[in-house]
Amino acid sequence: MGIFSRSRDIFAANITELLDRSEDPAKMIRMVILEMEETLVEVRASAARCIADGKEMRRALTRLDELQRSWTEKAELALSKDREDLAKAALTERQKAYDMGEGLREEIKVIDDTLKGYEGDIGKLQNKLREARARQNAISARFESAVTRAKARELMNGSRTEDAFSRFEILERRADLAEGYADALGLTGPKSLEEEIAELKAADKVDAELESLKAALAAKSN
């Protein structure tokens, strides 16, 4: 009765409503699945015991049917020998076997009806279990997605990301300064007056030395 009562509770349970009332849907659905699995095991075990009992009763019923035939043959034999008293006793034993057989038939009918109930319960439990597992997978996927999105948003909007971009800006500024310094080294500004005069004097000196060198070469040639 306990198994049947628990099975009916599970069949009547609306998993969506259970999850809506739960503070932790993932934990709640794990509990529901565990309860269903345990109940399914118990129902199957009870069904197996019923099947075994039914087989044993049917074997006993077969033996009782054979016993009735045997007492019928014995009663006929007794009558053929004019032993009505023995025939009557044999028929009495046959009636006992018949009554026992009828009792077994009633018990077998009860077992068969119980097995049909078990079969229906097992089918319903399996359907509920599939539904619960599907919900469990869907909820797990939703939680995983939510956690991933939360991590991504935390990365994009968190202080660590802002600090990293601030460091990038500092590094870019340093790179700009280094490039500016390198460019500055290659620049030449306008020459001053003194620099231009000094260049003229240097040019005159070079020209004088050149003329002196030419004169010396000419003298050697003569």
Protein backbone atom coordinates (compact mmCIF):
# COMPACT_ATOMS: atom_id res chain seq x y z
CA MET A 1 0.00 0.00 0.00
CA GLY A 2 2.89 2.33 0.78
CA ILE A 3 4.34 1.86 -2.70
CA PHE A 4 0.96 2.43 -4.37
CA SER A 5 0.36 5.57 -2.30
CA ARG A 6 3.77 6.99 -3.12
CA SER A 7 3.32 6.13 -6.80
CA ARG A 8 0.00 7.98 -6.93
CA ASP A 9 1.64 11.02 -5.29
CA ILE A 10 4.32 11.00 -7.97
CA PHE A 11 1.80 10.58 -10.79
CA ALA A 12 -0.21 13.52 -9.48
CA ALA A 13 2.85 15.71 -9.07
CA ASN A 14 3.26 18.51 -11.59
CA ILE A 15 7.01 18.88 -11.94
CA THR A 16 6.71 22.48 -13.14
CA GLU A 17 4.75 23.44 -10.03
CA LEU A 18 7.29 21.68 -7.82
CA LEU A 19 10.10 23.66 -9.41
CA ASP A 20 8.19 26.93 -9.12
CA ARG A 21 7.81 26.39 -5.37
CA SER A 22 11.45 25.42 -4.92
CA GLU A 23 14.16 27.86 -3.91
CA ASP A 24 16.77 25.64 -5.56
CA PRO A 25 15.23 24.08 -8.71
CA ALA A 26 18.31 21.97 -9.49
CA LYS A 27 18.33 20.44 -5.99
CA MET A 28 14.56 19.91 -6.05
CA ILE A 29 14.57 18.07 -9.36
CA ARG A 30 17.45 15.85 -8.20
CA MET A 31 15.36 14.89 -5.18
CA VAL A 32 12.31 14.21 -7.36
CA ILE A 33 14.37 12.00 -9.71
CA LEU A 34 15.90 10.10 -6.78
CA GLU A 35 12.43 9.50 -5.29
CA MET A 36 11.12 8.26 -8.64
CA GLU A 37 14.09 5.94 -9.18
CA GLU A 38 13.74 4.43 -5.70
CA THR A 39 9.98 3.97 -6.13
CA LEU A 40 10.48 2.40 -9.56
CA VAL A 41 12.93 -0.12 -8.10
CA GLU A 42 10.46 -1.01 -5.33
CA VAL A 43 7.52 -1.36 -7.74
CA ARG A 44 9.53 -3.62 -10.02
CA ALA A 45 10.65 -5.73 -7.06
CA SER A 46 7.03 -6.10 -5.90
CA ALA A 47 5.95 -6.98 -9.44
CA ALA A 48 8.67 -9.64 -9.59
CA ARG A 49 7.43 -11.16 -6.32
CA CYS A 50 3.87 -11.21 -7.67
CA ILE A 51 4.99 -12.94 -10.85
CA ALA A 52 6.87 -15.56 -8.81
CA ASP A 53 3.84 -16.10 -6.56
CA GLY A 54 1.56 -16.42 -9.59
CA LYS A 55 3.79 -19.06 -11.17
CA GLU A 56 3.89 -21.05 -7.94
CA MET A 57 0.10 -20.89 -7.58
CA ARG A 58 -0.44 -22.01 -11.16
CA ARG A 59 1.81 -25.02 -10.59
CA ALA A 60 -0.18 -25.84 -7.45
CA LEU A 61 -3.43 -25.45 -9.40
CA THR A 62 -2.18 -27.87 -12.03
CA ARG A 63 -1.38 -30.41 -9.32
CA LEU A 64 -4.88 -29.96 -7.83
CA ASP A 65 -6.51 -30.48 -11.24
CA GLU A 66 -4.51 -33.70 -11.62
CA LEU A 67 -5.52 -34.70 -8.11
CA GLN A 68 -9.21 -34.19 -8.96
CA ARG A 69 -8.86 -36.44 -12.01
CA SER A 70 -7.11 -39.02 -9.87
CA TRP A 71 -9.91 -39.05 -7.26
CA THR A 72 -12.48 -39.28 -10.03
CA GLU A 73 -10.77 -42.39 -11.41
CA LYS A 74 -10.60 -43.88 -7.93
CA ALA A 75 -14.31 -43.21 -7.34
CA GLU A 76 -15.17 -44.89 -10.64
CA LEU A 77 -13.01 -47.87 -9.73
CA ALA A 78 -14.68 -48.20 -6.33
CA LEU A 79 -18.15 -48.10 -7.91
CA SER A 80 -17.14 -50.75 -10.41
CA LYS A 81 -16.29 -52.96 -7.45
CA ASP A 82 -19.56 -52.19 -5.67
CA ARG A 83 -17.74 -50.17 -3.04
CA GLU A 84 -20.00 -47.18 -2.84
CA ASP A 85 -18.50 -46.15 0.49
CA LEU A 86 -15.03 -45.87 -1.06
CA ALA A 87 -16.43 -44.06 -4.07
CA LYS A 88 -18.13 -41.55 -1.79
CA ALA A 89 -14.90 -40.97 0.15
CA ALA A 90 -12.99 -40.46 -3.11
CA LEU A 91 -15.54 -37.93 -4.30
CA THR A 92 -15.21 -36.11 -0.97
CA GLU A 93 -11.44 -35.82 -1.48
CA ARG A 94 -12.03 -34.66 -5.05
CA GLN A 95 -14.33 -31.90 -3.73
CA LYS A 96 -11.63 -30.78 -1.31
CA ALA A 97 -9.14 -30.53 -4.19
CA TYR A 98 -11.71 -28.63 -6.24
CA ASP A 99 -12.38 -26.15 -3.43
CA MET A 100 -8.66 -25.55 -2.96
CA GLY A 101 -8.31 -25.03 -6.70
CA GLU A 102 -11.11 -22.47 -6.72
CA GLY A 103 -9.40 -20.60 -3.87
CA LEU A 104 -6.15 -20.58 -5.83
CA ARG A 105 -7.95 -19.30 -8.92
CA GLU A 106 -9.29 -16.36 -6.89
CA GLU A 107 -5.82 -15.62 -5.55
CA ILE A 108 -4.31 -15.85 -9.04
CA LYS A 109 -6.95 -13.39 -10.30
CA VAL A 110 -6.01 -10.96 -7.52
CA ILE A 111 -2.32 -11.34 -8.42
CA ASP A 112 -3.04 -10.79 -12.12
CA ASP A 113 -5.01 -7.63 -11.33
CA THR A 114 -2.19 -6.45 -9.07
CA LEU A 115 0.34 -7.08 -11.83
CA LYS A 116 -1.71 -5.01 -14.26
CA GLY A 117 -1.65 -2.21 -11.72
CA TYR A 118 2.11 -2.58 -11.36
CA GLU A 119 2.56 -2.49 -15.14
CA GLY A 120 0.55 0.72 -15.34
CA ASP A 121 2.48 2.26 -12.45
CA ILE A 122 5.83 1.31 -13.99
CA GLY A 123 4.86 2.89 -17.31
CA LYS A 124 3.70 6.09 -15.64
CA LEU A 125 6.79 6.24 -13.45
CA GLN A 126 9.05 5.83 -16.45
CA ASN A 127 7.25 8.66 -18.27
CA LYS A 128 7.52 10.92 -15.23
CA LEU A 129 11.17 9.99 -14.86
CA ARG A 130 11.89 10.88 -18.49
CA GLU A 131 10.11 14.20 -18.01
CA ALA A 132 12.09 14.95 -14.86
CA ARG A 133 15.41 14.07 -16.49
CA ALA A 134 14.58 16.24 -19.49
CA ARG A 135 13.79 19.11 -17.13
CA GLN A 136 17.01 18.42 -15.26
CA ASN A 137 19.06 18.66 -18.46
CA ALA A 138 17.26 21.86 -19.48
CA ILE A 139 17.78 23.44 -16.06
CA SER A 140 21.46 22.42 -16.00
CA ALA A 141 21.96 23.98 -19.44
CA ARG A 142 20.22 27.18 -18.31
CA PHE A 143 22.34 27.41 -15.17
CA GLU A 144 25.54 26.79 -17.13
CA SER A 145 24.56 29.45 -19.66
CA ALA A 146 23.70 31.92 -16.89
CA VAL A 147 27.03 31.35 -15.14
CA THR A 148 28.93 31.79 -18.41
CA ARG A 149 27.08 35.04 -19.19
CA ALA A 150 27.69 36.32 -15.68
CA LYS A 151 31.41 35.64 -15.97
CA ALA A 152 31.55 37.37 -19.35
CA ARG A 153 29.71 40.43 -18.05
CA GLU A 154 31.88 40.54 -14.97
CA LEU A 155 34.95 40.42 -17.19
CA MET A 156 33.65 43.19 -19.45
CA ASN A 157 32.33 45.46 -16.71
CA GLY A 158 34.55 44.59 -13.77
CA SER A 159 37.36 46.64 -12.25
CA ARG A 160 40.01 44.19 -13.49
CA THR A 161 39.12 44.93 -17.10
CA GLU A 162 39.11 48.69 -16.46
CA ASP A 163 42.53 48.44 -14.79
CA ALA A 164 43.87 46.47 -17.75
CA PHE A 165 42.64 49.06 -20.26
CA SER A 166 44.09 51.86 -18.10
CA ARG A 167 47.45 50.10 -18.27
CA PHE A 168 47.07 49.80 -22.03
CA GLU A 169 46.58 53.57 -22.26
CA ILE A 170 49.72 54.18 -20.17
CA LEU A 171 51.75 51.84 -22.37
CA GLU A 172 50.41 53.52 -25.52
CA ARG A 173 51.41 56.92 -24.09
CA ARG A 174 54.91 55.64 -23.40
CA ALA A 175 55.14 54.27 -26.91
CA ASP A 176 54.06 57.64 -28.31
CA LEU A 177 56.77 59.38 -26.30
CA ALA A 178 59.46 56.92 -27.43
CA GLU A 179 58.45 57.33 -31.07
CA GLY A 180 58.44 61.11 -30.65
CA TYR A 181 61.92 61.04 -29.17
CA ALA A 182 63.21 58.90 -32.03
CA ASP A 183 61.64 61.24 -34.59
CA ALA A 184 63.14 64.25 -32.83
CA LEU A 185 66.65 62.85 -33.14
CA GLY A 186 66.35 62.87 -36.90
CA LEU A 187 65.14 66.48 -37.19
CA THR A 188 67.51 69.42 -38.28
CA GLY A 189 66.46 72.97 -37.48
CA PRO A 190 67.45 76.18 -39.41
CA LYS A 191 71.18 77.12 -39.27
CA SER A 192 72.27 80.11 -37.25
CA LEU A 193 74.30 83.05 -38.73
CA GLU A 194 77.48 81.91 -37.00
CA GLU A 195 77.02 78.39 -38.37
CA GLU A 196 76.64 79.72 -41.93
CA ILE A 197 79.76 81.99 -41.63
CA ALA A 198 81.80 79.17 -40.16
CA GLU A 199 80.80 76.98 -43.09
CA LEU A 200 81.96 79.75 -45.53
CA LYS A 201 85.33 80.03 -43.77
CA ALA A 202 85.76 76.30 -43.88
CA ALA A 203 84.93 76.28 -47.58
CA ASP A 204 87.50 79.08 -48.27
CA LYS A 205 90.15 77.16 -46.37
CA VAL A 206 89.44 74.00 -48.38
CA ASP A 207 89.64 76.00 -51.63
CA ALA A 208 93.01 77.54 -50.60
CA GLU A 209 94.46 74.16 -49.76
CA LEU A 210 93.22 72.85 -53.07
CA GLU A 211 94.95 75.64 -55.02
CA SER A 212 98.16 75.13 -53.03
CA LEU A 213 98.11 71.45 -53.85
CA LYS A 214 97.63 72.17 -57.56
CA ALA A 215 100.60 74.61 -57.59
CA ALA A 216 102.84 72.06 -55.92
CA LEU A 217 101.95 69.42 -58.46
CA ALA A 218 102.61 71.83 -61.32
CA ALA A 219 106.05 72.73 -59.98
CA LYS A 220 107.01 69.09 -59.81
CA SER A 221 105.91 68.55 -63.35
CA ASN A 222 108.13 71.44 -64.64
